[in-house]
Amino acid sequence: MAQLQRLAIAPTQIHQQQITLTPQQHHYLSRVLRLRQGDRFIAIDGKGNWLLANLAGTSAEILEQLSIETELPVTVTLMVALPKGNGFDEIVRCCTELGVAVIMPVMSDRTLLNPSPQKLERWRRIATEAAEQSERQIVPTILDPLAFSAGLSFCQEQLHEELVKNHQYICVTRRDCVNLLECLQLKVDGNSDYSQSIVIATGCEGGWTDAEVESAIAHNFQPVSLGHRILRAVTAPIVAMSLIAAATEKI
């Protein structure tokens, strides 16, 4: 099925064995991809399902559900302090390709960006496109931006049932702490239950303040290093996701 084009849809577009296409989706399939009546494509519903479908006018007929496994064995929530400029676009794109499940944009003490609703819409569109390109089963959820302190509370309250202490990490610099990869490898080698969730937090330009790190520790986050070099705010979350994928994914 690798040669077939992929299209991300919403579960609400599915009615029995039919997919109601939006005008934009129909234009993309028929005008951009040049699919004709009866041509097949793969619909991704964002909930883990791949559906083999064929184009039927302004809708599509579902032929069968495909058995595909492209997701990481661990659910990763990435808490990212928003970088300046358009750097978050690249974070969303690359981390979607690497397998992130949830992206939580946060505003830290050193954050300069105050994103507009249009920015959030753009990030979600980028995530959808990257999920299609990388053959993801799901489209990552991008939460509304919130303050770092609110993000910590969200993890403690909303994700509490899914998290085990020290499955939450905050990436720091210039501190004597263990490397993230070493933490992950210890848990994998020790048969830790990674069927649950990991939360990883990375800072913006200038990193986290000492007060923010201490607050994260109070919320059961473990400080970790991404190496001896100082990474850009855009690079750090991509490196963190790469390490998680390398440590947990079974090839």
Protein backbone atom coordinates (compact mmCIF):
# COMPACT_ATOMS: atom_id res chain seq x y z
CA MET A 1 0.00 0.00 0.00
CA ALA A 2 3.07 2.25 0.14
CA GLN A 3 2.40 3.61 -3.33
CA LEU A 4 -1.08 4.87 -2.40
CA GLN A 5 -1.62 8.49 -1.42
CA ARG A 6 -2.71 9.23 2.15
CA LEU A 7 -5.31 11.69 3.38
CA ALA A 8 -6.01 12.66 6.98
CA ILE A 9 -9.71 12.89 7.80
CA ALA A 10 -11.81 13.48 10.90
CA PRO A 11 -13.69 10.49 12.40
CA THR A 12 -16.90 12.51 12.06
CA GLN A 13 -16.55 12.35 8.27
CA ILE A 14 -17.18 8.59 8.33
CA HIS A 15 -20.80 7.43 7.92
CA GLN A 16 -21.21 3.67 7.63
CA GLN A 17 -18.92 2.77 4.70
CA GLN A 18 -18.73 6.27 3.24
CA ILE A 19 -16.37 9.20 3.81
CA THR A 20 -17.81 12.66 3.24
CA LEU A 21 -14.98 14.71 1.78
CA THR A 22 -14.61 18.42 2.42
CA PRO A 23 -14.27 20.65 -0.67
CA GLN A 24 -10.61 21.13 0.17
CA GLN A 25 -10.00 17.38 0.46
CA HIS A 26 -11.81 16.68 -2.81
CA HIS A 27 -9.77 19.37 -4.57
CA TYR A 28 -6.56 17.89 -3.14
CA LEU A 29 -7.40 14.37 -4.29
CA SER A 30 -8.80 15.21 -7.71
CA ARG A 31 -6.86 18.31 -8.72
CA VAL A 32 -3.55 18.09 -6.88
CA LEU A 33 -3.06 14.31 -6.77
CA ARG A 34 -4.98 13.76 -10.04
CA LEU A 35 -7.02 10.85 -8.69
CA ARG A 36 -9.96 9.78 -10.84
CA GLN A 37 -13.29 8.20 -10.04
CA GLY A 38 -12.60 4.75 -8.55
CA ASP A 39 -8.93 5.42 -7.75
CA ARG A 40 -7.82 4.18 -4.35
CA PHE A 41 -6.19 6.07 -1.49
CA ILE A 42 -5.66 5.59 2.24
CA ALA A 43 -7.70 7.61 4.71
CA ILE A 44 -6.16 8.18 8.14
CA ASP A 45 -8.80 9.01 10.76
CA GLY A 46 -6.35 10.39 13.34
CA LYS A 47 -7.39 7.74 15.89
CA GLY A 48 -5.10 4.97 14.72
CA ASN A 49 -7.16 3.59 11.84
CA TRP A 50 -6.05 3.32 8.20
CA LEU A 51 -8.91 2.88 5.75
CA LEU A 52 -8.51 1.76 2.15
CA ALA A 53 -10.99 3.84 0.13
CA ASN A 54 -11.77 4.76 -3.44
CA LEU A 55 -12.86 8.10 -4.78
CA ALA A 56 -16.56 8.31 -5.61
CA GLY A 57 -17.42 11.83 -6.67
CA THR A 58 -17.40 14.21 -3.71
CA SER A 59 -17.22 11.29 -1.28
CA ALA A 60 -15.22 8.10 -0.91
CA GLU A 61 -16.20 4.48 -0.39
CA ILE A 62 -14.44 2.53 2.36
CA LEU A 63 -13.23 -0.83 1.03
CA GLU A 64 -11.50 -2.24 4.09
CA GLN A 65 -9.63 -1.37 7.27
CA LEU A 66 -5.90 -1.93 7.00
CA SER A 67 -3.71 -3.47 9.68
CA ILE A 68 -0.80 -1.06 10.08
CA GLU A 69 1.55 -0.43 13.01
CA THR A 70 3.67 2.71 12.73
CA GLU A 71 3.34 4.24 16.21
CA LEU A 72 5.88 4.26 19.03
CA PRO A 73 5.21 1.78 21.85
CA VAL A 74 5.02 4.73 24.25
CA THR A 75 2.75 7.77 24.24
CA VAL A 76 4.92 10.90 24.28
CA THR A 77 3.69 14.32 25.37
CA LEU A 78 6.14 17.03 24.37
CA MET A 79 5.97 20.21 26.44
CA VAL A 80 7.81 22.92 24.50
CA ALA A 81 8.49 26.48 25.63
CA LEU A 82 7.70 28.45 22.49
CA PRO A 83 10.79 29.63 20.58
CA LYS A 84 10.94 32.94 18.76
CA GLY A 85 10.07 33.36 15.09
CA ASN A 86 8.70 30.40 13.15
CA GLY A 87 10.86 27.79 14.88
CA PHE A 88 7.84 26.00 16.30
CA ASP A 89 6.76 25.07 12.76
CA GLU A 90 9.86 22.91 12.40
CA ILE A 91 9.39 21.39 15.86
CA VAL A 92 5.85 20.32 15.01
CA ARG A 93 6.87 18.90 11.63
CA CYS A 94 9.91 16.93 12.79
CA CYS A 95 8.47 15.66 16.07
CA THR A 96 5.33 14.48 14.28
CA GLU A 97 7.57 12.46 11.96
CA LEU A 98 9.40 11.05 15.01
CA GLY A 99 6.21 9.83 16.71
CA VAL A 100 5.04 12.42 19.24
CA ALA A 101 1.42 12.00 20.38
CA VAL A 102 0.70 15.33 22.08
CA ILE A 103 2.45 18.69 21.75
CA MET A 104 1.87 21.19 24.53
CA PRO A 105 3.12 24.72 23.67
CA VAL A 106 3.94 26.60 26.87
CA MET A 107 5.00 30.14 27.68
CA SER A 108 7.91 30.25 30.10
CA ASP A 109 9.55 33.19 31.84
CA ARG A 110 11.87 33.68 28.84
CA THR A 111 9.30 33.13 26.09
CA LEU A 112 9.01 36.03 23.65
CA LEU A 113 6.34 34.65 21.31
CA ASN A 114 2.65 35.31 21.97
CA PRO A 115 0.96 33.07 19.38
CA SER A 116 -2.25 34.03 17.63
CA PRO A 117 -5.15 31.64 16.88
CA GLN A 118 -3.92 31.60 13.28
CA LYS A 119 -0.57 30.22 14.48
CA LEU A 120 -2.30 27.38 16.31
CA GLU A 121 -4.33 26.56 13.19
CA ARG A 122 -1.12 26.56 11.14
CA TRP A 123 0.62 24.19 13.59
CA ARG A 124 -2.29 21.75 13.45
CA ARG A 125 -2.23 21.85 9.66
CA ILE A 126 1.51 21.16 9.66
CA ALA A 127 0.98 18.20 12.03
CA THR A 128 -1.68 16.78 9.70
CA GLU A 129 0.56 17.10 6.65
CA ALA A 130 3.55 15.58 8.47
CA ALA A 131 1.42 12.68 9.74
CA GLU A 132 0.30 11.94 6.17
CA GLN A 133 3.86 12.14 4.84
CA SER A 134 5.39 9.93 7.54
CA GLU A 135 2.59 7.32 7.45
CA ARG A 136 1.50 7.90 11.03
CA GLN A 137 -1.59 6.15 12.30
CA ILE A 138 -2.61 9.21 14.28
CA VAL A 139 -2.34 12.95 13.90
CA PRO A 140 -0.70 14.42 17.03
CA THR A 141 -2.85 16.59 19.24
CA ILE A 142 -1.59 20.17 19.59
CA LEU A 143 -3.00 21.78 22.70
CA ASP A 144 -3.80 25.46 23.10
CA PRO A 145 -0.77 27.41 24.40
CA LEU A 146 -0.70 27.86 28.17
CA ALA A 147 1.62 29.08 30.91
CA PHE A 148 4.39 26.71 32.01
CA SER A 149 2.96 26.52 35.52
CA ALA A 150 -0.44 25.56 34.06
CA GLY A 151 1.28 22.91 31.94
CA LEU A 152 2.83 21.36 35.04
CA SER A 153 -0.55 21.32 36.74
CA PHE A 154 -2.14 19.78 33.65
CA CYS A 155 0.39 16.93 33.71
CA GLN A 156 -0.19 16.35 37.41
CA GLU A 157 -3.99 16.47 37.23
CA GLN A 158 -4.99 15.29 33.75
CA LEU A 159 -2.23 12.76 33.07
CA HIS A 160 -1.80 11.53 36.63
CA GLU A 161 -3.43 8.16 36.04
CA GLU A 162 -1.14 7.44 33.08
CA LEU A 163 2.16 8.55 34.55
CA VAL A 164 4.67 6.94 36.84
CA LYS A 165 7.13 9.07 38.78
CA ASN A 166 10.28 9.75 36.72
CA HIS A 167 8.46 9.12 33.46
CA GLN A 168 8.40 12.91 33.31
CA TYR A 169 11.58 14.69 32.25
CA ILE A 170 12.71 18.30 31.93
CA CYS A 171 15.74 18.95 29.73
CA VAL A 172 18.25 21.29 31.34
CA THR A 173 21.74 22.65 30.66
CA ARG A 174 24.75 23.41 32.87
CA ARG A 175 23.54 21.05 35.59
CA ASP A 176 25.09 17.81 36.73
CA CYS A 177 22.35 15.37 35.77
CA VAL A 178 21.96 12.09 33.92
CA ASN A 179 21.57 11.94 30.14
CA LEU A 180 18.02 11.30 28.90
CA LEU A 181 19.16 8.30 26.85
CA GLU A 182 20.73 6.69 29.91
CA CYS A 183 17.47 7.14 31.85
CA LEU A 184 15.46 5.58 29.06
CA GLN A 185 17.86 2.67 28.58
CA LEU A 186 17.83 1.91 32.31
CA LYS A 187 14.06 1.70 32.27
CA VAL A 188 13.96 -0.43 29.12
CA ASP A 189 16.66 -2.80 30.40
CA GLY A 190 14.86 -2.96 33.73
CA ASN A 191 11.61 -3.86 31.93
CA SER A 192 9.88 -0.70 33.12
CA ASP A 193 6.30 -0.42 31.90
CA TYR A 194 6.58 1.94 28.95
CA SER A 195 3.08 1.09 27.81
CA GLN A 196 2.24 4.20 29.80
CA SER A 197 3.21 7.79 29.00
CA ILE A 198 6.34 9.92 28.90
CA VAL A 199 6.30 13.70 29.23
CA ILE A 200 9.40 15.58 28.08
CA ALA A 201 9.84 19.34 28.55
CA THR A 202 12.28 21.52 26.58
CA GLY A 203 12.93 25.24 27.02
CA CYS A 204 13.06 28.26 24.74
CA GLU A 205 16.07 30.48 24.00
CA GLY A 206 18.01 30.92 27.23
CA GLY A 207 16.58 27.75 28.74
CA TRP A 208 14.50 27.35 31.88
CA THR A 209 14.99 29.58 34.91
CA ASP A 210 16.13 27.95 38.14
CA ALA A 211 12.68 28.59 39.62
CA GLU A 212 11.01 26.80 36.70
CA VAL A 213 13.29 23.78 37.07
CA GLU A 214 12.60 23.59 40.80
CA SER A 215 8.87 23.87 40.14
CA ALA A 216 9.08 21.02 37.63
CA ILE A 217 10.98 18.88 40.14
CA ALA A 218 8.23 19.56 42.69
CA HIS A 219 5.78 18.17 40.09
CA ASN A 220 7.81 14.94 39.79
CA PHE A 221 9.83 15.89 36.71
CA GLN A 222 13.38 14.53 36.60
CA PRO A 223 16.06 16.90 35.23
CA VAL A 224 17.98 15.31 32.34
CA SER A 225 20.70 16.31 29.90
CA LEU A 226 20.68 16.04 26.11
CA GLY A 227 24.48 16.09 25.94
CA HIS A 228 27.45 18.34 26.61
CA ARG A 229 26.61 20.86 23.92
CA ILE A 230 24.09 23.71 24.15
CA LEU A 231 21.31 23.00 21.67
CA ARG A 232 19.06 25.53 19.99
CA ALA A 233 15.49 25.73 21.22
CA VAL A 234 14.34 24.18 17.93
CA THR A 235 16.94 21.38 18.04
CA ALA A 236 16.37 20.21 21.64
CA PRO A 237 12.84 18.75 21.28
CA ILE A 238 13.84 16.98 18.05
CA VAL A 239 16.86 15.41 19.78
CA ALA A 240 14.71 14.41 22.76
CA MET A 241 12.13 12.73 20.53
CA SER A 242 14.91 10.96 18.59
CA LEU A 243 16.36 9.54 21.81
CA ILE A 244 12.94 8.34 22.99
CA ALA A 245 12.27 6.64 19.66
CA ALA A 246 15.72 5.02 19.63
CA ALA A 247 15.36 3.69 23.17
CA THR A 248 11.79 2.44 23.03
CA GLU A 249 10.99 1.45 19.45
CA LYS A 250 11.46 -2.15 18.46
CA ILE A 251 12.78 -2.41 14.92
